[in-house]
């Protein structure tokens, strides 16, 4: 085990000192900075020279008793309504452009229910919400400012949007941008990070075989120690890269709270974040074991790159079906791909982004992926032991299958 750790430390330090690794790791934070700068510049430029907005009448139901007096903010007039039922009816009949129900626990939670006509639930981040924010702040600070009120001054609204149909029926809009961005970012990070790291693993194995360095290594360590050390070292480098990328996503989330304050905009709960990292680690272990097996049985860098396509294509398959997943994330095909080890990491993260996986399905997918990792590592170990010093020609497929199953050449 000590020799495996020595190899792991060497692989880790070698990986994080590669220029290509550093560039790839830095690209995401730089991209986030450019994105935030672009959004800020766009808002600044588009805010100049705009025509004056049309006057609006907005109703509100003050269940929390925080509104001292009605008023007009900019071009938006705020009109009190006695009950939520009256607000629903008023919006349904077009008496108001929108209505807000300030919930009883508003001071401790910031919860506000927004009532809009039709499917307008996503169009709540413009001047309407900015006006509401100013209206609430003006009323909150008109009395004594305690801790709860100070918190609400900083973040005064946490809106839950309901769509009001023509008949007055309500349907909740559950769109949460931060959740979608987080899990989709994790899915893309799994693809780029895992394939990058495992690609270096495969490249290193081929270079060591072609330069006959492998013979020297195996004179001091066992094949199992060599394989374990490489997987641990490169996996640690992958976690560093993932940490930098997810830190960038978190920075984008903090900025989004400024630009999208009116939208339900909370990161997933800690258990879901841990689940996302579990899918990353298991996905890395599975693909790394396959790459190690390919590196053991191939005889050149060109040959290994050709065979790598067999592994890469299934891994990116969920992105081929992205529109189908968005349309029906709980459909049969997404469910099946959740349990296939090649597609499970990215498909599960994509479905988590759309809130389409329950606890039992998450647990079942993780168990299936864990079993696949154990099987892949066992098969890779057998091929690693048998063919790591094979040069000149690749063994026939039937022979490889026999070795993978029985451990004998």
Protein backbone atom coordinates (compact mmCIF):
# COMPACT_ATOMS: atom_id res chain seq x y z
CA UNK A 1 0.00 0.00 0.00
CA UNK A 2 2.90 2.38 0.76
CA UNK A 3 4.24 1.87 -2.76
CA UNK A 4 0.79 2.60 -4.19
CA UNK A 5 0.70 5.88 -2.23
CA UNK A 6 4.15 6.82 -3.54
CA UNK A 7 2.92 6.23 -7.09
CA UNK A 8 -0.27 8.18 -6.33
CA UNK A 9 1.74 11.17 -5.05
CA UNK A 10 3.94 11.09 -8.14
CA UNK A 11 0.97 10.91 -10.51
CA UNK A 12 -0.81 13.72 -8.64
CA UNK A 13 2.14 16.12 -8.67
CA UNK A 14 2.92 15.30 -12.30
CA UNK A 15 -0.68 15.91 -13.33
CA UNK A 16 -1.19 19.24 -11.55
CA UNK A 17 2.08 20.55 -12.99
CA UNK A 18 1.05 19.85 -16.61
CA UNK A 19 0.43 23.04 -18.57
CA UNK A 20 -2.54 21.52 -20.37
CA UNK A 21 -4.15 20.52 -17.04
CA UNK A 22 -3.64 24.00 -15.58
CA UNK A 23 -5.05 25.66 -18.69
CA UNK A 24 -8.11 23.38 -18.72
CA UNK A 25 -8.68 23.97 -15.00
CA UNK A 26 -8.39 27.76 -15.38
CA UNK A 27 -10.66 27.99 -18.42
CA UNK A 28 -13.87 27.55 -16.41
CA UNK A 29 -13.18 30.33 -13.85
CA UNK A 30 -12.05 32.62 -16.65
CA UNK A 31 -15.20 31.76 -18.59
CA UNK A 32 -17.33 32.54 -15.53
CA UNK A 33 -15.64 35.93 -15.14
CA UNK A 34 -16.26 36.73 -18.80
CA UNK A 35 -19.87 35.61 -18.47
CA UNK A 36 -20.50 37.78 -15.42
CA UNK A 37 -18.74 40.72 -17.07
CA UNK A 38 -20.77 40.23 -20.23
CA UNK A 39 -24.04 40.12 -18.31
CA UNK A 40 -23.13 43.26 -16.40
CA UNK A 41 -22.12 45.08 -19.58
CA UNK A 42 -25.32 43.99 -21.33
CA UNK A 43 -27.50 45.22 -18.48
CA UNK A 44 -25.59 48.51 -18.36
CA UNK A 45 -25.88 49.09 -22.11
CA UNK A 46 -29.51 48.03 -22.46
CA UNK A 47 -30.56 50.16 -19.50
CA UNK A 48 -29.58 53.33 -21.38
CA UNK A 49 -32.00 55.01 -23.68
CA UNK A 50 -34.93 52.71 -22.89
CA UNK A 51 -38.44 53.98 -23.35
CA UNK A 52 -40.42 54.67 -20.21
CA UNK A 53 -42.34 51.56 -19.15
CA UNK A 54 -46.12 51.56 -19.19
CA UNK A 55 -47.91 52.15 -15.87
CA UNK A 56 -48.95 48.98 -14.06
CA UNK A 57 -51.48 48.19 -11.35
CA UNK A 58 -50.36 45.45 -8.99
CA UNK A 59 -52.40 44.10 -6.12
CA UNK A 60 -51.08 42.72 -2.87
CA UNK A 61 -52.46 40.76 0.08
CA UNK A 62 -50.57 41.61 3.27
CA UNK A 63 -50.93 38.55 5.52
CA UNK A 64 -47.74 39.46 7.40
CA UNK A 65 -48.93 42.97 8.27
CA UNK A 66 -45.71 44.61 7.08
CA UNK A 67 -47.12 47.19 4.64
CA UNK A 68 -47.59 50.50 6.40
CA UNK A 69 -49.20 52.28 3.48
CA UNK A 70 -49.89 51.60 -0.22
CA UNK A 71 -47.97 53.59 -2.75
CA UNK A 72 -46.47 53.90 -6.20
CA UNK A 73 -42.92 52.86 -7.03
CA UNK A 74 -41.80 54.16 -10.41
CA UNK A 75 -44.70 53.39 -12.74
CA UNK A 76 -46.13 50.57 -10.62
CA UNK A 77 -49.11 51.28 -8.38
CA UNK A 78 -49.57 48.90 -5.44
CA UNK A 79 -53.21 48.37 -4.44
CA UNK A 80 -54.20 46.43 -1.28
CA UNK A 81 -56.51 43.40 -1.63
CA UNK A 82 -58.30 41.89 1.34
CA UNK A 83 -57.84 38.14 0.67
CA UNK A 84 -55.95 35.69 -1.52
CA UNK A 85 -59.19 34.50 -3.13
CA UNK A 86 -60.00 38.04 -4.18
CA UNK A 87 -56.48 38.40 -5.58
CA UNK A 88 -56.86 35.23 -7.67
CA UNK A 89 -60.18 36.43 -9.05
CA UNK A 90 -58.82 39.91 -9.79
CA UNK A 91 -55.87 38.52 -11.76
CA UNK A 92 -58.06 36.00 -13.58
CA UNK A 93 -60.40 38.79 -14.77
CA UNK A 94 -57.54 41.12 -15.72
CA UNK A 95 -58.13 43.76 -13.05
CA UNK A 96 -54.44 43.68 -12.16
CA UNK A 97 -51.29 42.92 -14.14
CA UNK A 98 -50.17 40.71 -11.24
CA UNK A 99 -50.78 40.21 -7.55
CA UNK A 100 -48.55 39.29 -4.64
CA UNK A 101 -49.51 37.47 -1.46
CA UNK A 102 -47.12 38.37 1.35
CA UNK A 103 -47.17 35.22 3.49
CA UNK A 104 -47.63 35.29 7.27
CA UNK A 105 -44.07 34.06 7.87
CA UNK A 106 -42.59 36.64 5.49
CA UNK A 107 -40.32 38.27 8.09
CA UNK A 108 -38.57 34.97 8.85
CA UNK A 109 -38.61 33.41 5.35
CA UNK A 110 -39.19 36.15 2.77
CA UNK A 111 -41.91 34.03 1.14
CA UNK A 112 -44.18 35.75 -1.34
CA UNK A 113 -46.65 34.13 -3.70
CA UNK A 114 -46.90 35.75 -7.12
CA UNK A 115 -50.10 35.44 -9.13
CA UNK A 116 -49.86 35.98 -12.90
CA UNK A 117 -52.11 35.27 -15.84
CA UNK A 118 -51.11 32.30 -17.99
CA UNK A 119 -47.60 30.86 -18.30
CA UNK A 120 -45.66 33.97 -17.30
CA UNK A 121 -43.90 32.44 -14.31
CA UNK A 122 -40.39 32.89 -15.68
CA UNK A 123 -40.84 36.55 -16.60
CA UNK A 124 -40.37 37.90 -13.09
CA UNK A 125 -36.83 39.22 -13.05
CA UNK A 126 -37.26 42.67 -14.58
CA UNK A 127 -38.57 45.98 -13.33
CA UNK A 128 -41.62 44.34 -11.74
CA UNK A 129 -39.56 42.57 -9.11
CA UNK A 130 -37.23 45.55 -8.70
CA UNK A 131 -40.24 47.74 -8.01
CA UNK A 132 -41.65 45.22 -5.53
CA UNK A 133 -38.30 45.08 -3.77
CA UNK A 134 -38.24 48.86 -3.32
CA UNK A 135 -41.88 48.89 -2.17
CA UNK A 136 -41.18 46.28 0.50
CA UNK A 137 -37.98 47.94 1.69
CA UNK A 138 -39.70 51.29 2.02
CA UNK A 139 -42.37 49.76 4.25
CA UNK A 140 -39.96 47.58 6.24
CA UNK A 141 -37.74 50.47 7.27
CA UNK A 142 -40.65 52.72 8.15
CA UNK A 143 -40.75 51.11 11.64
CA UNK A 144 -38.15 49.79 14.03
CA UNK A 145 -35.42 47.78 12.29
CA UNK A 146 -34.70 44.54 14.18
CA UNK A 147 -32.55 41.61 12.98
CA UNK A 148 -35.31 39.98 10.96
CA UNK A 149 -36.22 43.20 9.24
CA UNK A 150 -32.55 43.91 8.49
CA UNK A 151 -32.27 40.49 6.83
CA UNK A 152 -35.38 41.16 4.79
CA UNK A 153 -33.98 44.53 3.70
CA UNK A 154 -31.01 42.71 2.18
CA UNK A 155 -33.05 39.84 0.64
CA UNK A 156 -36.70 40.90 0.79
CA UNK A 157 -38.36 38.28 -1.44
CA UNK A 158 -38.44 34.52 -2.03
CA UNK A 159 -41.19 34.14 -4.60
CA UNK A 160 -43.24 31.05 -5.32
CA UNK A 161 -45.05 31.56 -8.63
CA UNK A 162 -48.50 30.17 -9.38
CA UNK A 163 -50.03 30.26 -12.85
CA UNK A 164 -53.67 31.34 -12.84
CA UNK A 165 -55.75 29.63 -15.53
CA UNK A 166 -58.83 31.25 -17.06
CA UNK A 167 -61.06 29.30 -14.68
CA UNK A 168 -59.07 30.44 -11.66
CA UNK A 169 -57.20 27.15 -11.07
CA UNK A 170 -53.69 27.46 -9.66
CA UNK A 171 -50.60 25.57 -10.77
CA UNK A 172 -47.20 26.03 -9.12
CA UNK A 173 -44.15 26.83 -11.21
CA UNK A 174 -41.18 24.92 -9.70
CA UNK A 175 -38.41 26.19 -11.98
CA UNK A 176 -35.19 26.76 -9.98
CA UNK A 177 -32.30 28.11 -12.09
CA UNK A 178 -29.59 27.49 -9.48
CA UNK A 179 -30.48 23.79 -9.20
CA UNK A 180 -30.53 23.40 -12.98
CA UNK A 181 -27.21 25.22 -13.43
CA UNK A 182 -25.49 23.27 -10.64
CA UNK A 183 -26.39 19.77 -11.78
CA UNK A 184 -25.90 20.49 -15.49
CA UNK A 185 -22.51 22.01 -14.68
CA UNK A 186 -21.68 18.84 -12.74
CA UNK A 187 -22.74 16.70 -15.72
CA UNK A 188 -20.48 18.62 -18.11
CA UNK A 189 -17.67 18.61 -15.54
CA UNK A 190 -17.92 14.83 -15.23
CA UNK A 191 -17.51 14.47 -18.99
CA UNK A 192 -14.59 16.88 -19.34
CA UNK A 193 -12.77 16.07 -16.12
CA UNK A 194 -13.17 12.28 -16.20
CA UNK A 195 -12.27 11.95 -19.85
CA UNK A 196 -9.34 14.36 -19.49
CA UNK A 197 -7.90 12.58 -16.45
CA UNK A 198 -8.48 9.07 -17.79
CA UNK A 199 -7.01 10.18 -21.11
CA UNK A 200 -3.80 11.12 -19.31
CA UNK A 201 -3.88 7.73 -17.56
CA UNK A 202 -4.09 5.93 -20.89
CA UNK A 203 -1.39 8.14 -22.42
CA UNK A 204 0.95 7.54 -19.50
CA UNK A 205 0.54 3.77 -19.65
CA UNK A 206 1.25 3.70 -23.38
CA UNK A 207 4.33 5.91 -23.04
CA UNK A 208 5.70 3.73 -20.24
CA UNK A 209 5.15 0.61 -22.35
CA UNK A 210 6.66 2.09 -25.52
CA UNK A 211 9.73 3.41 -23.64
CA UNK A 212 10.17 0.12 -21.76
CA UNK A 213 9.84 2.00 -18.46
CA UNK A 214 7.09 -0.41 -17.49
CA UNK A 215 9.58 -3.25 -17.08
CA UNK A 216 11.57 -1.21 -14.56
CA UNK A 217 8.43 -0.24 -12.64
CA UNK A 218 7.18 -3.82 -12.37
CA UNK A 219 10.53 -4.91 -10.98
CA UNK A 220 9.80 -2.90 -7.83
CA UNK A 221 5.98 -2.79 -7.58
CA UNK A 222 3.18 -5.21 -8.37
CA UNK A 223 0.69 -4.55 -11.19
CA UNK A 224 -2.08 -4.05 -8.61
CA UNK A 225 -0.03 -1.44 -6.72
CA UNK A 226 0.81 0.35 -9.96
CA UNK A 227 -2.82 0.44 -11.07
CA UNK A 228 -4.11 1.54 -7.64
CA UNK A 229 -1.50 4.29 -7.36
CA UNK A 230 -2.31 5.70 -10.77
CA UNK A 231 -6.07 5.65 -10.12
CA UNK A 232 -5.70 7.35 -6.72
CA UNK A 233 -3.25 10.01 -7.87
CA UNK A 234 -5.11 10.97 -11.01
CA UNK A 235 -8.42 10.80 -9.15
CA UNK A 236 -7.13 13.30 -6.58
CA UNK A 237 -6.09 15.62 -9.42
CA UNK A 238 -9.57 15.27 -10.87
CA UNK A 239 -11.11 16.24 -7.52
CA UNK A 240 -8.92 19.35 -7.39
CA UNK A 241 -10.05 20.29 -10.88
CA UNK A 242 -13.68 19.61 -9.99
CA UNK A 243 -13.35 21.70 -6.82
CA UNK A 244 -12.05 24.69 -8.80
CA UNK A 245 -14.84 24.36 -11.35
CA UNK A 246 -17.59 24.00 -8.74
CA UNK A 247 -16.16 26.99 -6.87
CA UNK A 248 -16.60 28.97 -10.07
CA UNK A 249 -20.19 27.77 -10.37
CA UNK A 250 -20.81 28.85 -6.77
CA UNK A 251 -19.41 32.28 -7.60
CA UNK A 252 -21.81 32.49 -10.54
CA UNK A 253 -24.63 31.51 -8.18
CA UNK A 254 -23.77 34.37 -5.80
CA UNK A 255 -23.85 36.81 -8.70
CA UNK A 256 -27.14 35.34 -9.93
CA UNK A 257 -28.75 36.21 -6.59
CA UNK A 258 -28.23 39.85 -7.53
CA UNK A 259 -29.48 39.64 -11.13
CA UNK A 260 -32.28 37.08 -10.48
CA UNK A 261 -33.40 37.93 -6.98
CA UNK A 262 -37.06 37.40 -7.75
CA UNK A 263 -36.63 33.85 -9.01
CA UNK A 264 -36.52 30.79 -6.76
CA UNK A 265 -32.77 30.66 -6.76
CA UNK A 266 -31.35 28.32 -4.13
CA UNK A 267 -28.61 25.74 -4.53
CA UNK A 268 -29.61 22.11 -3.95
CA UNK A 269 -29.52 20.89 -0.36
CA UNK A 270 -26.24 19.42 0.94
CA UNK A 271 -27.37 15.76 0.50
CA UNK A 272 -27.98 16.37 -3.21
CA UNK A 273 -24.58 18.05 -3.58
CA UNK A 274 -22.96 15.01 -1.94
CA UNK A 275 -24.92 12.75 -4.31
CA UNK A 276 -23.57 14.74 -7.26
CA UNK A 277 -19.98 14.26 -6.09
CA UNK A 278 -20.68 10.56 -5.48
CA UNK A 279 -21.73 10.20 -9.12
CA UNK A 280 -18.54 12.00 -10.15
CA UNK A 281 -16.28 9.73 -8.07
CA UNK A 282 -18.00 6.53 -9.19
CA UNK A 283 -18.01 7.69 -12.80
CA UNK A 284 -14.31 8.44 -12.61
CA UNK A 285 -13.54 5.05 -11.02
CA UNK A 286 -15.53 3.20 -13.69
CA UNK A 287 -14.03 4.97 -16.70
CA UNK A 288 -10.53 4.98 -15.19
CA UNK A 289 -10.68 1.20 -14.73
CA UNK A 290 -11.72 0.79 -18.36
CA UNK A 291 -8.94 3.09 -19.54
CA UNK A 292 -6.41 1.17 -17.43
CA UNK A 293 -7.56 -2.05 -19.07
CA UNK A 294 -7.23 -0.47 -22.53
CA UNK A 295 -3.77 0.79 -21.67
CA UNK A 296 -2.73 -2.70 -20.62
CA UNK A 297 -3.90 -4.51 -23.76
CA UNK A 298 -3.00 -1.94 -26.43
CA UNK A 299 0.49 -1.64 -27.87
CA UNK A 300 0.60 1.96 -29.13
CA UNK A 301 -0.83 5.41 -28.48
CA UNK A 302 -2.65 5.43 -31.83
CA UNK A 303 -4.32 2.09 -31.18
CA UNK A 304 -5.45 3.11 -27.70
CA UNK A 305 -6.93 6.37 -28.99
CA UNK A 306 -8.97 4.47 -31.55
CA UNK A 307 -10.36 2.12 -28.90
CA UNK A 308 -11.06 5.00 -26.51
CA UNK A 309 -13.92 6.09 -28.78
CA UNK A 310 -15.79 2.95 -27.69
CA UNK A 311 -15.76 4.29 -24.13
CA UNK A 312 -16.29 7.98 -24.88
CA UNK A 313 -19.33 7.69 -27.13
CA UNK A 314 -21.61 6.01 -24.54
CA UNK A 315 -20.44 8.49 -21.89
CA UNK A 316 -21.73 11.47 -23.90
CA UNK A 317 -24.89 9.70 -25.07
CA UNK A 318 -27.15 11.53 -22.57
CA UNK A 319 -26.33 14.81 -24.30
CA UNK A 320 -27.58 13.37 -27.60
CA UNK A 321 -30.99 12.93 -25.97
CA UNK A 322 -30.97 16.28 -24.15
CA UNK A 323 -34.21 17.50 -25.72
CA UNK A 324 -35.97 14.23 -24.92
CA UNK A 325 -34.70 14.40 -21.35
CA UNK A 326 -35.95 17.96 -20.88
CA UNK A 327 -39.30 17.01 -22.41
CA UNK A 328 -39.77 13.88 -20.28
CA UNK A 329 -37.00 13.34 -17.72
CA UNK A 330 -39.01 10.57 -16.10
CA UNK A 331 -39.51 8.65 -19.34
CA UNK A 332 -38.45 5.08 -20.04
CA UNK A 333 -35.23 5.86 -21.94
CA UNK A 334 -33.84 8.27 -19.29
CA UNK A 335 -34.73 5.76 -16.57
CA UNK A 336 -32.94 2.91 -18.36
CA UNK A 337 -29.85 5.05 -19.01
CA UNK A 338 -29.76 5.90 -15.29
CA UNK A 339 -28.74 2.28 -14.56
CA UNK A 340 -26.29 1.73 -17.44
CA UNK A 341 -22.80 2.37 -16.01
CA UNK A 342 -21.55 4.16 -19.15
CA UNK A 343 -24.38 6.71 -19.03
CA UNK A 344 -25.42 6.67 -15.36
CA UNK A 345 -23.17 9.52 -14.08
CA UNK A 346 -24.20 12.12 -16.67
CA UNK A 347 -27.81 10.94 -17.08
CA UNK A 348 -28.43 10.92 -13.33
CA UNK A 349 -27.02 14.43 -12.95
CA UNK A 350 -29.15 15.67 -15.86
CA UNK A 351 -32.28 14.17 -14.30
CA UNK A 352 -31.39 15.59 -10.89
CA UNK A 353 -31.17 19.01 -12.54
CA UNK A 354 -34.80 18.60 -13.60
CA UNK A 355 -35.88 17.17 -10.21
CA UNK A 356 -36.90 13.91 -11.90
CA UNK A 357 -35.26 11.37 -9.55
CA UNK A 358 -36.65 10.25 -6.21
CA UNK A 359 -34.55 8.99 -3.26
CA UNK A 360 -35.07 5.31 -4.11
CA UNK A 361 -34.07 5.81 -7.73
CA UNK A 362 -30.97 7.77 -6.68
CA UNK A 363 -29.97 5.01 -4.26
CA UNK A 364 -30.60 2.28 -6.85
CA UNK A 365 -28.53 4.10 -9.46
CA UNK A 366 -25.64 4.60 -7.03
CA UNK A 367 -25.75 0.93 -6.01
CA UNK A 368 -25.79 -0.21 -9.65
CA UNK A 369 -22.90 2.10 -10.49
CA UNK A 370 -20.93 0.93 -7.44
CA UNK A 371 -21.35 -2.72 -8.47
CA UNK A 372 -20.25 -1.79 -12.00
CA UNK A 373 -17.14 -0.09 -10.59
CA UNK A 374 -16.21 -3.18 -8.55
CA UNK A 375 -16.66 -5.43 -11.60
CA UNK A 376 -14.72 -3.04 -13.88
CA UNK A 377 -11.82 -2.81 -11.42
CA UNK A 378 -11.67 -6.61 -11.05
CA UNK A 379 -11.65 -7.12 -14.82
CA UNK A 380 -9.08 -4.36 -15.30
CA UNK A 381 -6.82 -5.93 -12.66
CA UNK A 382 -6.83 -9.27 -14.48
CA UNK A 383 -5.99 -7.66 -17.81
CA UNK A 384 -3.41 -5.42 -16.14
CA UNK A 385 -1.57 -8.38 -14.61
CA UNK A 386 -1.65 -10.46 -17.79
CA UNK A 387 -0.90 -8.03 -20.63
CA UNK A 388 0.98 -5.06 -19.18
CA UNK A 389 4.27 -6.30 -20.64
CA UNK A 390 2.82 -7.47 -23.97
CA UNK A 391 4.47 -5.63 -26.89
CA UNK A 392 4.13 -5.72 -30.64
CA UNK A 393 0.65 -7.14 -31.06
CA UNK A 394 -2.70 -6.89 -29.33
CA UNK A 395 -4.17 -10.19 -28.08
CA UNK A 396 -7.31 -11.44 -29.87
CA UNK A 397 -10.68 -10.38 -28.47
CA UNK A 398 -11.67 -13.90 -27.38
CA UNK A 399 -8.42 -14.26 -25.47
CA UNK A 400 -9.00 -10.93 -23.74
CA UNK A 401 -12.52 -11.96 -22.76
CA UNK A 402 -11.24 -15.27 -21.38
CA UNK A 403 -8.58 -13.48 -19.34
CA UNK A 404 -11.08 -10.92 -18.03
CA UNK A 405 -13.45 -13.68 -16.87
CA UNK A 406 -11.00 -16.32 -15.63
CA UNK A 407 -7.80 -14.38 -14.99
CA UNK A 408 -5.82 -16.80 -17.16
CA UNK A 409 -4.12 -15.99 -20.46
